[in-house]
Amino acid sequence: MTKIYHMILCNSDIMKILAIIKSLPLNDCWLCAGTLRNFIWNKLSGINETLTSDIDVVFFDKNISYEETVALEQQLKDNYPQYDWELKNEFYMNTHSPNTPKYTSSKDAISKFPEKCTAVGARLDDRNQLELYLPYGEEEILNFIVSPTPYFEEDLLRYNVYLKRVDKKKWNNIWPRLTIIKK
C-alpha cells in the first residue's frame, strides 16, 4: 500500500466522493488531477482544507456527447451541491492539448496531463476497493516536485502550455516547498 493510497483511504471526504463517482452510469470514471494533487499537498503541508472546490472527474465514452456531459455535470451539482464538480469526457478532451490525437481511455488521458504531479487518478473498483492510477509514481508529488509529463515535454507547443500553466497557477504561494522544473 502506497503512502497516497493510505492518505486517500483514511479520508472520509475523498472516500465519499469516490462512492458518488462509482454510482454514476459512466465508463472508465476517475477522480483525478487537482483534486487529488491539492489534497495530497495540503495533507503533507498540514493545511486542513475541505474538499469543496474543483472536484475533477473524468470518464471515457464515445457515446456521450458534450451536451450530455454538461447535463450530467449539472445533475451532480444539483444532487451534491456541497462540491464544485468538473466532469470531463476524455473522449473529446484531446482538442485542449496541441498536437494530440484522440485519447484511448481515461488512463491514457491522465498520463498525458501537463504535470506528473497532476497525473493521478483514484476510483473504487467493482469490489469497492480503492484503485489508484499513478503513471509516474508517487515520488514527485510526495516531494512537492512539479515537472512536465513526458508527453508535454516532448513537444514544444505542449511544453509551452506547461510553462504558462505553472506560471499562472502560482502554486508556490500556497505550497512554498514546491520545486517547479523548467528546462
N, C-alpha and C. Protein backbone atom coordinates (compact mmCIF):
# COMPACT_ATOMS: atom_id res chain seq x y z
N MET A 1 0.85 -1.18 0.00
CA MET A 1 0.00 0.00 0.00
C MET A 1 0.90 1.24 0.00
N THR A 2 0.66 2.12 -0.96
CA THR A 2 1.47 3.32 -1.07
C THR A 2 1.01 4.36 -0.06
N LYS A 3 1.85 5.36 0.15
CA LYS A 3 1.50 6.44 1.07
C LYS A 3 0.25 7.18 0.59
N ILE A 4 0.17 7.44 -0.70
CA ILE A 4 -1.00 8.13 -1.25
C ILE A 4 -2.26 7.28 -1.08
N TYR A 5 -2.14 5.99 -1.31
CA TYR A 5 -3.26 5.07 -1.12
C TYR A 5 -3.79 5.20 0.30
N HIS A 6 -2.88 5.17 1.26
CA HIS A 6 -3.26 5.26 2.67
C HIS A 6 -3.90 6.61 2.99
N MET A 7 -3.34 7.70 2.45
CA MET A 7 -3.89 9.04 2.69
C MET A 7 -5.33 9.14 2.19
N ILE A 8 -5.58 8.60 1.01
CA ILE A 8 -6.93 8.66 0.43
C ILE A 8 -7.88 7.76 1.20
N LEU A 9 -7.44 6.54 1.47
CA LEU A 9 -8.29 5.57 2.18
C LEU A 9 -8.72 6.08 3.55
N CYS A 10 -7.87 6.86 4.19
CA CYS A 10 -8.16 7.37 5.54
C CYS A 10 -8.93 8.69 5.53
N ASN A 11 -9.29 9.19 4.37
CA ASN A 11 -10.01 10.46 4.30
C ASN A 11 -11.47 10.21 3.92
N SER A 12 -12.36 10.44 4.87
CA SER A 12 -13.78 10.13 4.64
C SER A 12 -14.39 10.98 3.53
N ASP A 13 -13.93 12.23 3.38
CA ASP A 13 -14.47 13.08 2.31
C ASP A 13 -14.14 12.52 0.93
N ILE A 14 -12.89 12.15 0.73
CA ILE A 14 -12.49 11.60 -0.58
C ILE A 14 -13.21 10.27 -0.82
N MET A 15 -13.31 9.44 0.19
CA MET A 15 -13.98 8.16 0.02
C MET A 15 -15.46 8.36 -0.31
N LYS A 16 -16.09 9.38 0.27
CA LYS A 16 -17.48 9.69 -0.07
C LYS A 16 -17.59 10.12 -1.53
N ILE A 17 -16.68 10.97 -1.96
CA ILE A 17 -16.68 11.43 -3.36
C ILE A 17 -16.47 10.24 -4.30
N LEU A 18 -15.56 9.34 -3.93
CA LEU A 18 -15.32 8.15 -4.76
C LEU A 18 -16.57 7.27 -4.85
N ALA A 19 -17.32 7.17 -3.76
CA ALA A 19 -18.57 6.39 -3.78
C ALA A 19 -19.60 7.05 -4.69
N ILE A 20 -19.68 8.37 -4.65
CA ILE A 20 -20.59 9.09 -5.55
C ILE A 20 -20.21 8.82 -7.00
N ILE A 21 -18.92 8.92 -7.29
CA ILE A 21 -18.43 8.71 -8.65
C ILE A 21 -18.73 7.29 -9.11
N LYS A 22 -18.52 6.32 -8.22
CA LYS A 22 -18.79 4.92 -8.58
C LYS A 22 -20.26 4.71 -8.93
N SER A 23 -21.14 5.48 -8.32
CA SER A 23 -22.58 5.31 -8.57
C SER A 23 -23.02 5.91 -9.91
N LEU A 24 -22.16 6.67 -10.55
CA LEU A 24 -22.52 7.30 -11.82
C LEU A 24 -22.56 6.26 -12.94
N PRO A 25 -23.46 6.42 -13.90
CA PRO A 25 -23.55 5.47 -15.02
C PRO A 25 -22.54 5.83 -16.12
N LEU A 26 -21.26 5.90 -15.73
CA LEU A 26 -20.22 6.34 -16.67
C LEU A 26 -19.11 5.32 -16.77
N ASN A 27 -18.57 5.17 -17.97
CA ASN A 27 -17.46 4.25 -18.21
C ASN A 27 -16.13 4.88 -17.82
N ASP A 28 -15.25 4.05 -17.26
CA ASP A 28 -13.85 4.46 -17.05
C ASP A 28 -13.78 5.79 -16.30
N CYS A 29 -14.45 5.84 -15.16
CA CYS A 29 -14.64 7.09 -14.42
C CYS A 29 -13.65 7.18 -13.24
N TRP A 30 -12.99 8.34 -13.12
CA TRP A 30 -11.93 8.55 -12.12
C TRP A 30 -12.04 9.93 -11.48
N LEU A 31 -11.73 10.01 -10.21
CA LEU A 31 -11.42 11.27 -9.55
C LEU A 31 -9.95 11.53 -9.83
N CYS A 32 -9.60 12.76 -10.19
CA CYS A 32 -8.22 12.94 -10.64
C CYS A 32 -7.73 14.37 -10.48
N ALA A 33 -6.52 14.55 -11.00
CA ALA A 33 -5.91 15.86 -11.24
C ALA A 33 -5.80 16.70 -9.97
N GLY A 34 -6.21 17.96 -10.08
CA GLY A 34 -6.02 18.92 -9.00
C GLY A 34 -6.69 18.53 -7.70
N THR A 35 -7.81 17.84 -7.78
CA THR A 35 -8.49 17.40 -6.56
C THR A 35 -7.54 16.56 -5.71
N LEU A 36 -6.92 15.57 -6.33
CA LEU A 36 -6.03 14.69 -5.58
C LEU A 36 -4.69 15.34 -5.29
N ARG A 37 -4.13 16.03 -6.28
CA ARG A 37 -2.84 16.71 -6.09
C ARG A 37 -2.92 17.69 -4.92
N ASN A 38 -3.95 18.55 -4.93
CA ASN A 38 -4.09 19.55 -3.87
C ASN A 38 -4.35 18.90 -2.51
N PHE A 39 -5.17 17.85 -2.50
CA PHE A 39 -5.43 17.12 -1.26
C PHE A 39 -4.12 16.60 -0.67
N ILE A 40 -3.30 15.98 -1.50
CA ILE A 40 -2.03 15.40 -1.04
C ILE A 40 -1.11 16.49 -0.52
N TRP A 41 -0.93 17.55 -1.30
CA TRP A 41 -0.05 18.64 -0.85
C TRP A 41 -0.57 19.30 0.41
N ASN A 42 -1.88 19.50 0.52
CA ASN A 42 -2.45 20.09 1.74
C ASN A 42 -2.20 19.19 2.94
N LYS A 43 -2.43 17.90 2.75
CA LYS A 43 -2.22 16.93 3.84
C LYS A 43 -0.76 16.94 4.29
N LEU A 44 0.16 16.92 3.35
CA LEU A 44 1.58 16.91 3.68
C LEU A 44 2.04 18.24 4.29
N SER A 45 1.33 19.31 3.99
CA SER A 45 1.69 20.64 4.49
C SER A 45 0.97 21.00 5.78
N GLY A 46 0.08 20.14 6.24
CA GLY A 46 -0.68 20.44 7.44
C GLY A 46 -1.78 21.45 7.22
N ILE A 47 -2.19 21.63 5.97
CA ILE A 47 -3.29 22.54 5.65
C ILE A 47 -4.59 21.75 5.72
N ASN A 48 -5.49 22.17 6.59
CA ASN A 48 -6.75 21.47 6.76
C ASN A 48 -7.82 22.17 5.93
N GLU A 49 -7.96 21.75 4.70
CA GLU A 49 -8.92 22.37 3.79
C GLU A 49 -9.96 21.34 3.39
N THR A 50 -11.22 21.76 3.37
CA THR A 50 -12.27 20.84 2.97
C THR A 50 -12.29 20.69 1.45
N LEU A 51 -12.76 19.56 1.02
CA LEU A 51 -12.82 19.26 -0.41
C LEU A 51 -14.15 19.74 -0.98
N THR A 52 -14.24 21.01 -1.24
CA THR A 52 -15.49 21.53 -1.79
C THR A 52 -15.32 22.10 -3.18
N SER A 53 -14.12 22.50 -3.53
CA SER A 53 -13.94 23.13 -4.85
C SER A 53 -13.17 22.21 -5.79
N ASP A 54 -13.42 22.39 -7.05
CA ASP A 54 -12.70 21.67 -8.10
C ASP A 54 -12.62 20.16 -7.87
N ILE A 55 -13.76 19.53 -7.92
CA ILE A 55 -13.80 18.07 -7.85
C ILE A 55 -13.71 17.57 -9.29
N ASP A 56 -12.49 17.21 -9.69
CA ASP A 56 -12.19 16.83 -11.07
C ASP A 56 -12.52 15.36 -11.30
N VAL A 57 -13.47 15.12 -12.19
CA VAL A 57 -13.89 13.76 -12.53
C VAL A 57 -13.79 13.60 -14.04
N VAL A 58 -13.13 12.51 -14.45
CA VAL A 58 -13.04 12.21 -15.88
C VAL A 58 -13.67 10.84 -16.14
N PHE A 59 -14.17 10.70 -17.36
CA PHE A 59 -14.66 9.41 -17.82
C PHE A 59 -14.36 9.33 -19.32
N PHE A 60 -14.61 8.17 -19.90
CA PHE A 60 -14.32 7.98 -21.32
C PHE A 60 -15.48 7.22 -21.96
N ASP A 61 -16.21 7.92 -22.84
CA ASP A 61 -17.34 7.28 -23.51
C ASP A 61 -17.66 8.02 -24.80
N LYS A 62 -17.40 7.36 -25.93
CA LYS A 62 -17.64 8.00 -27.23
C LYS A 62 -19.13 8.21 -27.51
N ASN A 63 -19.99 7.53 -26.75
CA ASN A 63 -21.43 7.63 -26.98
C ASN A 63 -22.12 8.73 -26.16
N ILE A 64 -21.36 9.44 -25.34
CA ILE A 64 -21.94 10.53 -24.56
C ILE A 64 -21.41 11.84 -25.12
N SER A 65 -22.33 12.68 -25.57
CA SER A 65 -21.96 13.94 -26.22
C SER A 65 -21.51 14.98 -25.19
N TYR A 66 -20.95 16.05 -25.71
CA TYR A 66 -20.55 17.17 -24.87
C TYR A 66 -21.77 17.71 -24.10
N GLU A 67 -22.89 17.87 -24.80
CA GLU A 67 -24.11 18.39 -24.17
C GLU A 67 -24.61 17.47 -23.06
N GLU A 68 -24.54 16.17 -23.31
CA GLU A 68 -24.94 15.20 -22.28
C GLU A 68 -24.00 15.26 -21.08
N THR A 69 -22.72 15.48 -21.34
CA THR A 69 -21.75 15.60 -20.26
C THR A 69 -22.07 16.82 -19.39
N VAL A 70 -22.39 17.93 -20.04
CA VAL A 70 -22.76 19.15 -19.30
C VAL A 70 -24.00 18.89 -18.45
N ALA A 71 -24.97 18.18 -19.00
CA ALA A 71 -26.19 17.86 -18.25
C ALA A 71 -25.88 16.95 -17.05
N LEU A 72 -25.00 15.97 -17.25
CA LEU A 72 -24.59 15.09 -16.16
C LEU A 72 -23.86 15.86 -15.07
N GLU A 73 -23.01 16.79 -15.48
CA GLU A 73 -22.31 17.63 -14.51
C GLU A 73 -23.31 18.45 -13.69
N GLN A 74 -24.32 18.98 -14.35
CA GLN A 74 -25.34 19.76 -13.65
C GLN A 74 -26.12 18.89 -12.66
N GLN A 75 -26.39 17.65 -13.05
CA GLN A 75 -27.06 16.72 -12.12
C GLN A 75 -26.21 16.50 -10.87
N LEU A 76 -24.90 16.34 -11.07
CA LEU A 76 -24.00 16.19 -9.92
C LEU A 76 -24.07 17.42 -9.02
N LYS A 77 -24.04 18.59 -9.64
CA LYS A 77 -24.09 19.84 -8.87
C LYS A 77 -25.42 19.97 -8.12
N ASP A 78 -26.51 19.54 -8.76
CA ASP A 78 -27.82 19.60 -8.11
C ASP A 78 -27.94 18.58 -6.97
N ASN A 79 -27.44 17.38 -7.20
CA ASN A 79 -27.57 16.30 -6.21
C ASN A 79 -26.57 16.41 -5.06
N TYR A 80 -25.41 16.99 -5.34
CA TYR A 80 -24.35 17.12 -4.33
C TYR A 80 -23.79 18.54 -4.37
N PRO A 81 -24.59 19.52 -3.96
CA PRO A 81 -24.19 20.93 -4.12
C PRO A 81 -23.03 21.35 -3.23
N GLN A 82 -22.64 20.52 -2.29
CA GLN A 82 -21.51 20.87 -1.42
C GLN A 82 -20.18 20.78 -2.17
N TYR A 83 -20.19 20.21 -3.37
CA TYR A 83 -18.97 20.07 -4.16
C TYR A 83 -19.08 20.86 -5.46
N ASP A 84 -17.95 21.36 -5.91
CA ASP A 84 -17.88 22.07 -7.19
C ASP A 84 -17.37 21.09 -8.25
N TRP A 85 -18.29 20.38 -8.86
CA TRP A 85 -17.96 19.30 -9.79
C TRP A 85 -17.46 19.83 -11.13
N GLU A 86 -16.45 19.18 -11.66
CA GLU A 86 -15.98 19.41 -13.02
C GLU A 86 -15.89 18.05 -13.69
N LEU A 87 -16.84 17.76 -14.57
CA LEU A 87 -16.94 16.47 -15.23
C LEU A 87 -16.49 16.60 -16.68
N LYS A 88 -15.53 15.78 -17.07
CA LYS A 88 -14.98 15.84 -18.43
C LYS A 88 -14.99 14.46 -19.07
N ASN A 89 -15.50 14.40 -20.31
CA ASN A 89 -15.44 13.17 -21.10
C ASN A 89 -14.14 13.22 -21.90
N GLU A 90 -13.19 12.40 -21.53
CA GLU A 90 -11.86 12.43 -22.15
C GLU A 90 -11.89 12.01 -23.62
N PHE A 91 -13.00 11.48 -24.08
CA PHE A 91 -13.11 11.16 -25.50
C PHE A 91 -12.94 12.41 -26.35
N TYR A 92 -13.35 13.56 -25.81
CA TYR A 92 -13.29 14.83 -26.55
C TYR A 92 -12.17 15.76 -26.12
N MET A 93 -11.49 15.47 -25.03
CA MET A 93 -10.60 16.45 -24.41
C MET A 93 -9.25 16.61 -25.10
N ASN A 94 -8.90 15.77 -26.04
CA ASN A 94 -7.61 15.90 -26.72
C ASN A 94 -7.48 17.23 -27.44
N THR A 95 -8.59 17.84 -27.78
CA THR A 95 -8.55 19.12 -28.51
C THR A 95 -8.01 20.26 -27.65
N HIS A 96 -7.86 20.03 -26.35
CA HIS A 96 -7.35 21.07 -25.46
C HIS A 96 -5.83 21.04 -25.33
N SER A 97 -5.18 20.07 -25.93
CA SER A 97 -3.72 19.99 -25.91
C SER A 97 -3.21 19.99 -27.35
N PRO A 98 -2.22 20.83 -27.64
CA PRO A 98 -1.71 20.89 -29.02
C PRO A 98 -1.16 19.55 -29.51
N ASN A 99 -1.36 19.29 -30.78
CA ASN A 99 -0.79 18.10 -31.44
C ASN A 99 -1.12 16.80 -30.72
N THR A 100 -2.37 16.66 -30.31
CA THR A 100 -2.76 15.50 -29.51
C THR A 100 -3.86 14.71 -30.22
N PRO A 101 -3.57 13.45 -30.56
CA PRO A 101 -4.63 12.61 -31.13
C PRO A 101 -5.64 12.22 -30.06
N LYS A 102 -6.75 11.64 -30.48
CA LYS A 102 -7.78 11.21 -29.52
C LYS A 102 -7.17 10.27 -28.48
N TYR A 103 -7.62 10.45 -27.25
CA TYR A 103 -7.21 9.54 -26.19
C TYR A 103 -7.91 8.20 -26.38
N THR A 104 -7.34 7.15 -25.82
CA THR A 104 -7.92 5.81 -25.94
C THR A 104 -8.67 5.38 -24.68
N SER A 105 -8.46 6.11 -23.58
CA SER A 105 -9.08 5.78 -22.30
C SER A 105 -8.85 6.94 -21.33
N SER A 106 -9.48 6.87 -20.19
CA SER A 106 -9.21 7.88 -19.16
C SER A 106 -7.78 7.79 -18.68
N LYS A 107 -7.26 6.57 -18.52
CA LYS A 107 -5.87 6.41 -18.10
C LYS A 107 -4.91 7.04 -19.11
N ASP A 108 -5.18 6.84 -20.39
CA ASP A 108 -4.36 7.46 -21.43
C ASP A 108 -4.37 8.97 -21.27
N ALA A 109 -5.54 9.54 -21.05
CA ALA A 109 -5.66 11.00 -20.88
C ALA A 109 -4.93 11.47 -19.62
N ILE A 110 -5.13 10.78 -18.51
CA ILE A 110 -4.47 11.17 -17.25
C ILE A 110 -2.96 11.15 -17.42
N SER A 111 -2.44 10.15 -18.12
CA SER A 111 -0.99 10.06 -18.31
C SER A 111 -0.45 11.20 -19.16
N LYS A 112 -1.34 11.89 -19.86
CA LYS A 112 -0.94 12.99 -20.73
C LYS A 112 -1.37 14.35 -20.18
N PHE A 113 -1.68 14.41 -18.88
CA PHE A 113 -1.90 15.70 -18.23
C PHE A 113 -0.58 16.47 -18.25
N PRO A 114 -0.60 17.77 -18.08
CA PRO A 114 0.64 18.56 -18.21
C PRO A 114 1.74 18.20 -17.21
N GLU A 115 1.38 18.00 -15.93
CA GLU A 115 2.40 17.76 -14.90
C GLU A 115 2.29 16.33 -14.36
N LYS A 116 3.43 15.77 -14.00
CA LYS A 116 3.42 14.43 -13.40
C LYS A 116 2.63 14.42 -12.09
N CYS A 117 2.75 15.49 -11.31
CA CYS A 117 2.05 15.55 -10.02
C CYS A 117 0.54 15.68 -10.18
N THR A 118 0.09 16.06 -11.35
CA THR A 118 -1.35 16.18 -11.64
C THR A 118 -1.88 14.89 -12.26
N ALA A 119 -0.99 14.08 -12.80
CA ALA A 119 -1.37 12.82 -13.46
C ALA A 119 -1.58 11.74 -12.39
N VAL A 120 -2.69 11.85 -11.70
CA VAL A 120 -3.03 10.91 -10.65
C VAL A 120 -4.55 10.70 -10.68
N GLY A 121 -4.96 9.45 -10.52
CA GLY A 121 -6.38 9.14 -10.53
C GLY A 121 -6.72 8.13 -9.44
N ALA A 122 -7.97 8.18 -8.99
CA ALA A 122 -8.45 7.23 -7.98
C ALA A 122 -9.91 6.90 -8.27
N ARG A 123 -10.27 5.67 -7.97
CA ARG A 123 -11.66 5.24 -8.08
C ARG A 123 -11.86 4.01 -7.22
N LEU A 124 -13.11 3.62 -7.06
CA LEU A 124 -13.44 2.37 -6.40
C LEU A 124 -13.68 1.32 -7.47
N ASP A 125 -13.07 0.15 -7.31
CA ASP A 125 -13.24 -0.90 -8.31
C ASP A 125 -14.55 -1.65 -8.09
N ASP A 126 -14.75 -2.72 -8.82
CA ASP A 126 -16.01 -3.48 -8.76
C ASP A 126 -16.27 -4.08 -7.38
N ARG A 127 -15.22 -4.26 -6.58
CA ARG A 127 -15.37 -4.79 -5.22
C ARG A 127 -15.35 -3.68 -4.17
N ASN A 128 -15.47 -2.42 -4.64
CA ASN A 128 -15.42 -1.24 -3.78
C ASN A 128 -14.07 -1.06 -3.08
N GLN A 129 -13.03 -1.57 -3.72
CA GLN A 129 -11.67 -1.37 -3.22
C GLN A 129 -11.05 -0.17 -3.94
N LEU A 130 -10.26 0.58 -3.21
CA LEU A 130 -9.61 1.75 -3.78
C LEU A 130 -8.61 1.32 -4.85
N GLU A 131 -8.71 1.94 -6.01
CA GLU A 131 -7.76 1.72 -7.10
C GLU A 131 -7.11 3.06 -7.43
N LEU A 132 -5.79 3.06 -7.46
CA LEU A 132 -5.04 4.27 -7.81
C LEU A 132 -4.40 4.11 -9.17
N TYR A 133 -4.29 5.21 -9.87
CA TYR A 133 -3.53 5.24 -11.11
C TYR A 133 -2.48 6.34 -10.97
N LEU A 134 -1.23 5.94 -10.89
CA LEU A 134 -0.09 6.84 -10.74
C LEU A 134 0.92 6.51 -11.83
N PRO A 135 0.69 6.97 -13.07
CA PRO A 135 1.57 6.57 -14.17
C PRO A 135 3.03 6.97 -13.99
N TYR A 136 3.29 7.95 -13.13
CA TYR A 136 4.68 8.39 -12.90
C TYR A 136 5.10 8.16 -11.46
N GLY A 137 4.38 7.30 -10.77
CA GLY A 137 4.70 7.00 -9.38
C GLY A 137 4.28 8.13 -8.45
N GLU A 138 4.69 8.01 -7.20
CA GLU A 138 4.27 9.00 -6.21
C GLU A 138 5.41 9.86 -5.69
N GLU A 139 6.62 9.60 -6.13
CA GLU A 139 7.78 10.31 -5.58
C GLU A 139 7.70 11.82 -5.77
N GLU A 140 7.39 12.27 -6.99
CA GLU A 140 7.39 13.71 -7.25
C GLU A 140 6.28 14.42 -6.48
N ILE A 141 5.10 13.87 -6.47
CA ILE A 141 4.01 14.54 -5.77
C ILE A 141 4.28 14.58 -4.26
N LEU A 142 4.83 13.51 -3.70
CA LEU A 142 5.13 13.48 -2.27
C LEU A 142 6.29 14.40 -1.91
N ASN A 143 7.14 14.70 -2.86
CA ASN A 143 8.30 15.57 -2.62
C ASN A 143 8.10 16.98 -3.16
N PHE A 144 6.85 17.32 -3.48
CA PHE A 144 6.50 18.67 -3.91
C PHE A 144 7.28 19.10 -5.16
N ILE A 145 7.42 18.19 -6.10
CA ILE A 145 8.10 18.49 -7.36
C ILE A 145 7.06 18.60 -8.46
N VAL A 146 7.18 19.67 -9.24
CA VAL A 146 6.30 19.88 -10.40
C VAL A 146 7.18 19.78 -11.63
N SER A 147 6.93 18.79 -12.46
CA SER A 147 7.68 18.64 -13.71
C SER A 147 6.71 18.18 -14.80
N PRO A 148 7.06 18.45 -16.06
CA PRO A 148 6.14 18.06 -17.13
C PRO A 148 6.11 16.54 -17.33
N THR A 149 4.96 16.05 -17.75
CA THR A 149 4.91 14.65 -18.15
C THR A 149 5.75 14.50 -19.42
N PRO A 150 6.21 13.30 -19.71
CA PRO A 150 6.97 13.11 -20.95
C PRO A 150 6.20 13.60 -22.18
N TYR A 151 4.88 13.45 -22.15
CA TYR A 151 4.07 13.86 -23.29
C TYR A 151 4.15 15.37 -23.51
N PHE A 152 4.12 16.14 -22.45
CA PHE A 152 4.21 17.60 -22.59
C PHE A 152 5.65 18.05 -22.82
N GLU A 153 6.59 17.27 -22.36
CA GLU A 153 8.00 17.63 -22.54
C GLU A 153 8.48 17.39 -23.97
N GLU A 154 7.89 16.44 -24.68
CA GLU A 154 8.40 16.05 -25.99
C GLU A 154 7.97 16.96 -27.13
N ASP A 155 7.04 17.86 -26.90
CA ASP A 155 6.51 18.72 -27.95
C ASP A 155 6.61 20.17 -27.49
N LEU A 156 7.22 21.03 -28.30
CA LEU A 156 7.45 22.41 -27.91
C LEU A 156 6.16 23.16 -27.61
N LEU A 157 5.12 22.97 -28.43
CA LEU A 157 3.85 23.65 -28.17
C LEU A 157 3.24 23.21 -26.84
N ARG A 158 3.26 21.91 -26.60
CA ARG A 158 2.72 21.41 -25.33
C ARG A 158 3.59 21.86 -24.16
N TYR A 159 4.90 21.86 -24.35
CA TYR A 159 5.80 22.29 -23.27
C TYR A 159 5.53 23.75 -22.90
N ASN A 160 5.27 24.58 -23.90
CA ASN A 160 4.94 25.99 -23.63
C ASN A 160 3.61 26.11 -22.87
N VAL A 161 2.66 25.22 -23.15
CA VAL A 161 1.41 25.18 -22.38
C VAL A 161 1.74 24.87 -20.92
N TYR A 162 2.61 23.89 -20.70
CA TYR A 162 3.04 23.54 -19.34
C TYR A 162 3.64 24.76 -18.63
N LEU A 163 4.57 25.45 -19.31
CA LEU A 163 5.23 26.61 -18.69
C LEU A 163 4.22 27.70 -18.33
N LYS A 164 3.32 28.01 -19.23
CA LYS A 164 2.31 29.04 -18.96
C LYS A 164 1.40 28.61 -17.82
N ARG A 165 1.06 27.34 -17.81
CA ARG A 165 0.16 26.83 -16.77
C ARG A 165 0.79 26.93 -15.38
N VAL A 166 2.03 26.50 -15.24
CA VAL A 166 2.64 26.55 -13.90
C VAL A 166 2.87 27.99 -13.45
N ASP A 167 3.13 28.89 -14.38
CA ASP A 167 3.25 30.30 -14.02
C ASP A 167 1.90 30.87 -13.57
N LYS A 168 0.86 30.53 -14.29
CA LYS A 168 -0.48 31.05 -14.00
C LYS A 168 -1.03 30.52 -12.67
N LYS A 169 -0.76 29.27 -12.37
CA LYS A 169 -1.32 28.64 -11.18
C LYS A 169 -0.76 29.22 -9.87
N LYS A 170 0.48 29.68 -9.88
CA LYS A 170 1.11 30.28 -8.69
C LYS A 170 1.01 29.35 -7.47
N TRP A 171 1.27 28.08 -7.71
CA TRP A 171 1.19 27.09 -6.64
C TRP A 171 2.15 27.39 -5.49
N ASN A 172 3.30 28.02 -5.79
CA ASN A 172 4.27 28.33 -4.73
C ASN A 172 3.69 29.23 -3.65
N ASN A 173 2.68 30.02 -3.99
CA ASN A 173 2.06 30.89 -2.99
C ASN A 173 1.32 30.08 -1.92
N ILE A 174 0.83 28.93 -2.30
CA ILE A 174 0.09 28.07 -1.36
C ILE A 174 1.03 27.05 -0.72
N TRP A 175 1.90 26.46 -1.54
CA TRP A 175 2.83 25.42 -1.09
C TRP A 175 4.26 25.88 -1.38
N PRO A 176 4.87 26.65 -0.47
CA PRO A 176 6.20 27.21 -0.74
C PRO A 176 7.30 26.15 -0.90
N ARG A 177 7.04 24.92 -0.47
CA ARG A 177 8.04 23.85 -0.60
C ARG A 177 8.21 23.34 -2.03
N LEU A 178 7.33 23.77 -2.92
CA LEU A 178 7.36 23.25 -4.29
C LEU A 178 8.66 23.59 -5.02
N THR A 179 9.10 22.64 -5.80
CA THR A 179 10.17 22.87 -6.78
C THR A 179 9.53 22.70 -8.14
N ILE A 180 9.54 23.77 -8.93
CA ILE A 180 8.94 23.73 -10.26
C ILE A 180 10.06 23.61 -11.28
N ILE A 181 10.03 22.54 -12.05
CA ILE A 181 11.07 22.24 -13.04
C ILE A 181 10.74 22.95 -14.35
N LYS A 182 11.69 23.78 -14.78
CA LYS A 182 11.59 24.45 -16.09
C LYS A 182 12.94 24.26 -16.76
N LYS A 183 12.91 23.75 -17.98
CA LYS A 183 14.17 23.47 -18.68
C LYS A 183 14.45 24.51 -19.73
